[in-house]
C-alpha atoms as a PDB file:
ATOM      1  CA  UNK A   1     -70.061  27.282 -51.614  1.00  0.00           C
ATOM      2  CA  UNK A   2     -68.551  30.175 -49.927  1.00  0.00           C
ATOM      3  CA  UNK A   3     -66.005  32.182 -51.387  1.00  0.00           C
ATOM      4  CA  UNK A   4     -62.285  32.581 -49.598  1.00  0.00           C
ATOM      5  CA  UNK A   5     -63.209  35.797 -48.689  1.00  0.00           C
ATOM      6  CA  UNK A   6     -66.525  35.000 -47.019  1.00  0.00           C
ATOM      7  CA  UNK A   7     -64.622  31.804 -45.198  1.00  0.00           C
ATOM      8  CA  UNK A   8     -61.990  34.381 -43.776  1.00  0.00           C
ATOM      9  CA  UNK A   9     -64.703  36.444 -42.773  1.00  0.00           C
ATOM     10  CA  UNK A  10     -66.483  33.952 -40.466  1.00  0.00           C
ATOM     11  CA  UNK A  11     -62.692  32.704 -39.132  1.00  0.00           C
ATOM     12  CA  UNK A  12     -61.980  36.256 -38.081  1.00  0.00           C
ATOM     13  CA  UNK A  13     -65.254  37.019 -36.742  1.00  0.00           C
ATOM     14  CA  UNK A  14     -65.087  33.616 -34.690  1.00  0.00           C
ATOM     15  CA  UNK A  15     -61.450  33.876 -33.693  1.00  0.00           C
ATOM     16  CA  UNK A  16     -62.021  37.624 -32.251  1.00  0.00           C
ATOM     17  CA  UNK A  17     -64.911  36.179 -30.222  1.00  0.00           C
ATOM     18  CA  UNK A  18     -63.173  33.920 -29.010  1.00  0.00           C
ATOM     19  CA  UNK A  19     -59.648  35.664 -27.957  1.00  0.00           C
ATOM     20  CA  UNK A  20     -60.728  36.137 -24.765  1.00  0.00           C
ATOM     21  CA  UNK A  21     -61.514  32.570 -23.635  1.00  0.00           C
ATOM     22  CA  UNK A  22     -58.979  30.675 -26.290  1.00  0.00           C
ATOM     23  CA  UNK A  23     -56.773  29.579 -23.188  1.00  0.00           C
ATOM     24  CA  UNK A  24     -59.053  29.835 -20.385  1.00  0.00           C
ATOM     25  CA  UNK A  25     -60.590  26.734 -18.502  1.00  0.00           C
ATOM     26  CA  UNK A  26     -63.702  27.845 -20.632  1.00  0.00           C
ATOM     27  CA  UNK A  27     -62.810  27.410 -23.721  1.00  0.00           C
ATOM     28  CA  UNK A  28     -65.077  24.866 -25.292  1.00  0.00           C
ATOM     29  CA  UNK A  29     -63.673  22.944 -28.409  1.00  0.00           C
ATOM     30  CA  UNK A  30     -60.793  25.086 -28.461  1.00  0.00           C
ATOM     31  CA  UNK A  31     -59.217  23.080 -25.628  1.00  0.00           C
ATOM     32  CA  UNK A  32     -58.649  20.117 -27.425  1.00  0.00           C
ATOM     33  CA  UNK A  33     -56.134  21.905 -29.469  1.00  0.00           C
ATOM     34  CA  UNK A  34     -53.836  21.390 -26.262  1.00  0.00           C
ATOM     35  CA  UNK A  35     -53.243  17.780 -27.247  1.00  0.00           C
ATOM     36  CA  UNK A  36     -51.017  18.805 -30.366  1.00  0.00           C
ATOM     37  CA  UNK A  37     -48.757  20.629 -28.582  1.00  0.00           C
ATOM     38  CA  UNK A  38     -46.515  17.897 -26.923  1.00  0.00           C
ATOM     39  CA  UNK A  39     -46.163  16.456 -30.622  1.00  0.00           C
ATOM     40  CA  UNK A  40     -44.830  19.328 -31.946  1.00  0.00           C
ATOM     41  CA  UNK A  41     -42.790  20.374 -28.755  1.00  0.00           C
ATOM     42  CA  UNK A  42     -41.122  16.717 -29.869  1.00  0.00           C
ATOM     43  CA  UNK A  43     -40.550  17.486 -33.281  1.00  0.00           C
ATOM     44  CA  UNK A  44     -38.795  20.805 -32.491  1.00  0.00           C
ATOM     45  CA  UNK A  45     -36.401  19.057 -30.062  1.00  0.00           C
ATOM     46  CA  UNK A  46     -35.389  17.292 -32.975  1.00  0.00           C
ATOM     47  CA  UNK A  47     -34.393  20.590 -35.052  1.00  0.00           C
ATOM     48  CA  UNK A  48     -31.625  23.162 -33.930  1.00  0.00           C
ATOM     49  CA  UNK A  49     -33.026  26.580 -34.717  1.00  0.00           C
ATOM     50  CA  UNK A  50     -33.223  30.299 -34.271  1.00  0.00           C
ATOM     51  CA  UNK A  51     -36.086  31.567 -35.666  1.00  0.00           C
ATOM     52  CA  UNK A  52     -39.433  30.113 -35.637  1.00  0.00           C
ATOM     53  CA  UNK A  53     -42.888  30.875 -36.847  1.00  0.00           C
ATOM     54  CA  UNK A  54     -46.371  29.780 -35.507  1.00  0.00           C
ATOM     55  CA  UNK A  55     -47.950  30.272 -38.267  1.00  0.00           C
ATOM     56  CA  UNK A  56     -52.030  30.658 -36.978  1.00  0.00           C
ATOM     57  CA  UNK A  57     -51.049  31.238 -33.879  1.00  0.00           C
ATOM     58  CA  UNK A  58     -54.110  32.485 -31.960  1.00  0.00           C
ATOM     59  CA  UNK A  59     -53.201  33.659 -28.556  1.00  0.00           C
ATOM     60  CA  UNK A  60     -50.075  32.135 -28.677  1.00  0.00           C
ATOM     61  CA  UNK A  61     -50.066  29.186 -26.034  1.00  0.00           C
ATOM     62  CA  UNK A  62     -47.684  27.348 -28.037  1.00  0.00           C
ATOM     63  CA  UNK A  63     -45.197  30.457 -28.068  1.00  0.00           C
ATOM     64  CA  UNK A  64     -45.649  30.705 -24.366  1.00  0.00           C
ATOM     65  CA  UNK A  65     -44.477  27.219 -24.250  1.00  0.00           C
ATOM     66  CA  UNK A  66     -41.382  27.631 -26.206  1.00  0.00           C
ATOM     67  CA  UNK A  67     -40.237  30.769 -24.762  1.00  0.00           C
ATOM     68  CA  UNK A  68     -39.868  29.380 -21.675  1.00  0.00           C
ATOM     69  CA  UNK A  69     -38.521  25.884 -22.930  1.00  0.00           C
ATOM     70  CA  UNK A  70     -35.988  27.900 -25.702  1.00  0.00           C
ATOM     71  CA  UNK A  71     -35.822  31.521 -23.813  1.00  0.00           C
ATOM     72  CA  UNK A  72     -32.955  32.678 -26.192  1.00  0.00           C
ATOM     73  CA  UNK A  73     -34.559  32.062 -29.585  1.00  0.00           C
ATOM     74  CA  UNK A  74     -36.666  34.385 -31.619  1.00  0.00           C
ATOM     75  CA  UNK A  75     -40.350  33.674 -32.435  1.00  0.00           C
ATOM     76  CA  UNK A  76     -43.289  35.661 -34.498  1.00  0.00           C
ATOM     77  CA  UNK A  77     -46.792  34.379 -34.422  1.00  0.00           C
ATOM     78  CA  UNK A  78     -49.066  35.227 -37.129  1.00  0.00           C
ATOM     79  CA  UNK A  79     -52.902  34.959 -37.007  1.00  0.00           C
ATOM     80  CA  UNK A  80     -55.817  36.517 -39.245  1.00  0.00           C
ATOM     81  CA  UNK A  81     -57.804  37.508 -36.004  1.00  0.00           C
ATOM     82  CA  UNK A  82     -57.011  40.974 -34.824  1.00  0.00           C
ATOM     83  CA  UNK A  83     -58.592  40.121 -31.627  1.00  0.00           C
ATOM     84  CA  UNK A  84     -56.127  37.032 -31.186  1.00  0.00           C
ATOM     85  CA  UNK A  85     -53.424  39.339 -31.780  1.00  0.00           C
ATOM     86  CA  UNK A  86     -54.117  41.936 -29.591  1.00  0.00           C
ATOM     87  CA  UNK A  87     -54.166  39.063 -26.520  1.00  0.00           C
ATOM     88  CA  UNK A  88     -51.497  37.470 -28.177  1.00  0.00           C
ATOM     89  CA  UNK A  89     -49.370  40.902 -27.595  1.00  0.00           C
ATOM     90  CA  UNK A  90     -50.640  41.239 -23.515  1.00  0.00           C
ATOM     91  CA  UNK A  91     -48.309  38.479 -22.703  1.00  0.00           C
ATOM     92  CA  UNK A  92     -45.352  40.229 -23.354  1.00  0.00           C
ATOM     93  CA  UNK A  93     -43.309  37.501 -24.399  1.00  0.00           C
ATOM     94  CA  UNK A  94     -39.358  37.824 -24.402  1.00  0.00           C
ATOM     95  CA  UNK A  95     -38.209  37.774 -28.185  1.00  0.00           C
ATOM     96  CA  UNK A  96     -41.805  37.119 -29.961  1.00  0.00           C
ATOM     97  CA  UNK A  97     -43.763  39.505 -32.532  1.00  0.00           C
ATOM     98  CA  UNK A  98     -47.265  38.920 -32.874  1.00  0.00           C
ATOM     99  CA  UNK A  99     -48.251  40.099 -36.815  1.00  0.00           C
ATOM    100  CA  UNK A 100     -52.064  40.508 -37.758  1.00  0.00           C
ATOM    101  CA  UNK A 101     -51.488  38.967 -41.042  1.00  0.00           C
ATOM    102  CA  UNK A 102     -53.112  36.316 -43.496  1.00  0.00           C
ATOM    103  CA  UNK A 103     -51.240  32.287 -43.412  1.00  0.00           C
ATOM    104  CA  UNK A 104     -52.103  32.320 -47.448  1.00  0.00           C
ATOM    105  CA  UNK A 105     -50.160  35.343 -47.868  1.00  0.00           C
ATOM    106  CA  UNK A 106     -47.504  35.958 -45.128  1.00  0.00           C
ATOM    107  CA  UNK A 107     -46.460  39.525 -44.591  1.00  0.00           C
ATOM    108  CA  UNK A 108     -43.106  38.025 -43.896  1.00  0.00           C
ATOM    109  CA  UNK A 109     -39.254  38.105 -45.680  1.00  0.00           C
ATOM    110  CA  UNK A 110     -37.958  35.058 -47.819  1.00  0.00           C
ATOM    111  CA  UNK A 111     -35.704  32.627 -45.803  1.00  0.00           C
ATOM    112  CA  UNK A 112     -36.189  33.906 -42.432  1.00  0.00           C
ATOM    113  CA  UNK A 113     -37.371  30.781 -40.617  1.00  0.00           C
ATOM    114  CA  UNK A 114     -35.963  27.894 -39.654  1.00  0.00           C
ATOM    115  CA  UNK A 115     -38.912  26.495 -38.250  1.00  0.00           C
ATOM    116  CA  UNK A 116     -42.517  26.894 -39.394  1.00  0.00           C
ATOM    117  CA  UNK A 117     -45.461  25.253 -36.859  1.00  0.00           C
ATOM    118  CA  UNK A 118     -49.387  25.302 -37.721  1.00  0.00           C
ATOM    119  CA  UNK A 119     -51.483  23.219 -35.108  1.00  0.00           C
ATOM    120  CA  UNK A 120     -55.219  23.105 -36.200  1.00  0.00           C
ATOM    121  CA  UNK A 121     -55.458  25.807 -38.277  1.00  0.00           C
ATOM    122  CA  UNK A 122     -54.587  24.665 -41.818  1.00  0.00           C
ATOM    123  CA  UNK A 123     -58.669  23.291 -42.110  1.00  0.00           C
ATOM    124  CA  UNK A 124     -59.454  27.019 -42.360  1.00  0.00           C
ATOM    125  CA  UNK A 125     -57.830  27.715 -45.013  1.00  0.00           C
ATOM    126  CA  UNK A 126     -59.719  28.055 -48.269  1.00  0.00           C
ATOM    127  CA  UNK A 127     -56.590  28.081 -50.553  1.00  0.00           C
ATOM    128  CA  UNK A 128     -54.425  25.439 -48.608  1.00  0.00           C
ATOM    129  CA  UNK A 129     -51.787  25.062 -51.718  1.00  0.00           C
ATOM    130  CA  UNK A 130     -51.225  29.019 -51.086  1.00  0.00           C
ATOM    131  CA  UNK A 131     -50.396  28.303 -47.637  1.00  0.00           C
ATOM    132  CA  UNK A 132     -47.753  25.297 -48.471  1.00  0.00           C
ATOM    133  CA  UNK A 133     -46.170  27.908 -51.275  1.00  0.00           C
ATOM    134  CA  UNK A 134     -45.790  30.546 -48.656  1.00  0.00           C
ATOM    135  CA  UNK A 135     -44.246  28.392 -45.942  1.00  0.00           C
ATOM    136  CA  UNK A 136     -41.605  27.416 -48.796  1.00  0.00           C
ATOM    137  CA  UNK A 137     -40.833  30.896 -49.411  1.00  0.00           C
ATOM    138  CA  UNK A 138     -40.396  31.898 -45.721  1.00  0.00           C
ATOM    139  CA  UNK A 139     -38.324  28.956 -44.848  1.00  0.00           C
ATOM    140  CA  UNK A 140     -34.438  28.781 -44.944  1.00  0.00           C
ATOM    141  CA  UNK A 141     -33.033  26.168 -46.667  1.00  0.00           C
ATOM    142  CA  UNK A 142     -33.530  23.245 -44.931  1.00  0.00           C
ATOM    143  CA  UNK A 143     -36.068  24.481 -42.794  1.00  0.00           C
ATOM    144  CA  UNK A 144     -39.137  22.592 -41.157  1.00  0.00           C
ATOM    145  CA  UNK A 145     -42.509  22.211 -41.622  1.00  0.00           C
ATOM    146  CA  UNK A 146     -44.630  20.830 -39.178  1.00  0.00           C
ATOM    147  CA  UNK A 147     -48.129  20.496 -39.240  1.00  0.00           C
ATOM    148  CA  UNK A 148     -50.826  18.966 -36.948  1.00  0.00           C
ATOM    149  CA  UNK A 149     -54.693  19.323 -38.260  1.00  0.00           C
ATOM    150  CA  UNK A 150     -57.474  16.953 -39.117  1.00  0.00           C
ATOM    151  CA  UNK A 151     -57.932  13.819 -41.194  1.00  0.00           C
ATOM    152  CA  UNK A 152     -59.190  10.419 -41.676  1.00  0.00           C
ATOM    153  CA  UNK A 153     -60.669   7.823 -44.174  1.00  0.00           C
ATOM    154  CA  UNK A 154     -62.564   8.839 -47.062  1.00  0.00           C
ATOM    155  CA  UNK A 155     -65.498   7.978 -45.326  1.00  0.00           C
ATOM    156  CA  UNK A 156     -64.721  10.086 -42.067  1.00  0.00           C
ATOM    157  CA  UNK A 157     -63.535  13.176 -44.338  1.00  0.00           C
ATOM    158  CA  UNK A 158     -66.792  13.214 -46.129  1.00  0.00           C
ATOM    159  CA  UNK A 159     -68.610  13.490 -43.052  1.00  0.00           C
ATOM    160  CA  UNK A 160     -66.265  15.865 -41.689  1.00  0.00           C
ATOM    161  CA  UNK A 161     -66.649  18.079 -44.582  1.00  0.00           C
ATOM    162  CA  UNK A 162     -69.995  17.820 -45.748  1.00  0.00           C
ATOM    163  CA  UNK A 163     -71.677  17.629 -42.249  1.00  0.00           C
ATOM    164  CA  UNK A 164     -69.544  18.704 -39.646  1.00  0.00           C
ATOM    165  CA  UNK A 165     -68.035  21.679 -41.109  1.00  0.00           C
ATOM    166  CA  UNK A 166     -71.013  22.854 -43.107  1.00  0.00           C
ATOM    167  CA  UNK A 167     -72.904  22.667 -39.495  1.00  0.00           C
ATOM    168  CA  UNK A 168     -69.928  24.423 -37.964  1.00  0.00           C
ATOM    169  CA  UNK A 169     -70.561  27.126 -40.954  1.00  0.00           C
ATOM    170  CA  UNK A 170     -73.987  27.604 -39.743  1.00  0.00           C
ATOM    171  CA  UNK A 171     -73.255  28.300 -36.617  1.00  0.00           C
ATOM    172  CA  UNK A 172     -70.436  30.904 -37.443  1.00  0.00           C
ATOM    173  CA  UNK A 173     -67.381  29.046 -37.640  1.00  0.00           C
ATOM    174  CA  UNK A 174     -65.007  29.294 -40.476  1.00  0.00           C
ATOM    175  CA  UNK A 175     -63.916  25.541 -40.898  1.00  0.00           C
ATOM    176  CA  UNK A 176     -63.238  24.955 -44.901  1.00  0.00           C
ATOM    177  CA  UNK A 177     -61.889  21.738 -45.145  1.00  0.00           C
ATOM    178  CA  UNK A 178     -60.163  18.726 -43.497  1.00  0.00           C
ATOM    179  CA  UNK A 179     -57.524  17.152 -45.789  1.00  0.00           C
ATOM    180  CA  UNK A 180     -56.412  13.610 -46.801  1.00  0.00           C
ATOM    181  CA  UNK A 181     -53.089  12.453 -46.970  1.00  0.00           C
ATOM    182  CA  UNK A 182     -53.311  12.145 -50.701  1.00  0.00           C
ATOM    183  CA  UNK A 183     -54.136  15.951 -50.552  1.00  0.00           C
ATOM    184  CA  UNK A 184     -50.953  16.662 -48.125  1.00  0.00           C
ATOM    185  CA  UNK A 185     -48.396  14.863 -50.424  1.00  0.00           C
ATOM    186  CA  UNK A 186     -49.572  16.629 -53.372  1.00  0.00           C
ATOM    187  CA  UNK A 187     -49.160  20.046 -51.095  1.00  0.00           C
ATOM    188  CA  UNK A 188     -45.900  19.055 -50.600  1.00  0.00           C
ATOM    189  CA  UNK A 189     -45.028  17.997 -54.123  1.00  0.00           C
ATOM    190  CA  UNK A 190     -46.496  21.211 -55.709  1.00  0.00           C
ATOM    191  CA  UNK A 191     -44.464  23.849 -53.435  1.00  0.00           C
ATOM    192  CA  UNK A 192     -41.235  21.956 -53.181  1.00  0.00           C
ATOM    193  CA  UNK A 193     -41.723  20.634 -49.870  1.00  0.00           C
ATOM    194  CA  UNK A 194     -39.807  17.093 -48.956  1.00  0.00           C
ATOM    195  CA  UNK A 195     -41.741  15.024 -46.665  1.00  0.00           C
ATOM    196  CA  UNK A 196     -39.967  13.489 -43.889  1.00  0.00           C
ATOM    197  CA  UNK A 197     -42.547  12.176 -41.656  1.00  0.00           C
ATOM    198  CA  UNK A 198     -46.468  12.233 -42.801  1.00  0.00           C
ATOM    199  CA  UNK A 199     -49.500  10.191 -40.929  1.00  0.00           C
ATOM    200  CA  UNK A 200     -52.310   9.812 -39.114  1.00  0.00           C
ATOM    201  CA  UNK A 201     -52.378   9.355 -35.513  1.00  0.00           C
ATOM    202  CA  UNK A 202     -55.217   9.123 -32.905  1.00  0.00           C
ATOM    203  CA  UNK A 203     -58.073  10.869 -32.838  1.00  0.00           C
ATOM    204  CA  UNK A 204     -57.673  11.838 -36.729  1.00  0.00           C
ATOM    205  CA  UNK A 205     -55.027  13.708 -36.312  1.00  0.00           C
ATOM    206  CA  UNK A 206     -52.557  14.014 -39.186  1.00  0.00           C
ATOM    207  CA  UNK A 207     -49.091  14.745 -38.591  1.00  0.00           C
ATOM    208  CA  UNK A 208     -46.954  16.106 -41.117  1.00  0.00           C
ATOM    209  CA  UNK A 209     -42.979  16.890 -41.287  1.00  0.00           C
ATOM    210  CA  UNK A 210     -41.615  18.643 -44.099  1.00  0.00           C
ATOM    211  CA  UNK A 211     -38.328  20.024 -45.466  1.00  0.00           C
ATOM    212  CA  UNK A 212     -37.553  23.021 -47.698  1.00  0.00           C
END
């Protein structure tokens, strides 16, 4: 079993390498992340907001969409990979700041954001409860977390976590663990977030909306 530091080191190495191709037509497995953007956008449309954090933003593809849809809002993108942040900054997105940092220990002020989004990043976190507690801390009262990741039945999760992700680690990927619906419920309860919507959707997708 790897330590948290080892998992994060793997993730940094993986995504530094992937930064240049992440949004290209040659993005490989990262291309699947695009499927999560429309459901997140649908949830954002339900919430009035001024400030939004993309936690685990990669090169900022979701923020690129949002700055077009909502050009007058304020955005921050946070990612552990220096190369992802470097690539994202080159976009010069309006009203957007990109910060290198850890989603389990965010270098951000309390009660700052109306919305926090997290798309296909959560399964890279070795201390998932720390992430949920940080989300609670940086959200404004009444603020919303919108999270998309991977989940499944007990059998599917066993396969993902004990075979697929272990093989991924051997090939240089920083995947840690796909969480069950029950685990997500517990993280919300322990962090103080109130679940509005939590379900498994098509293609083993976890969809969570929770509020502070």
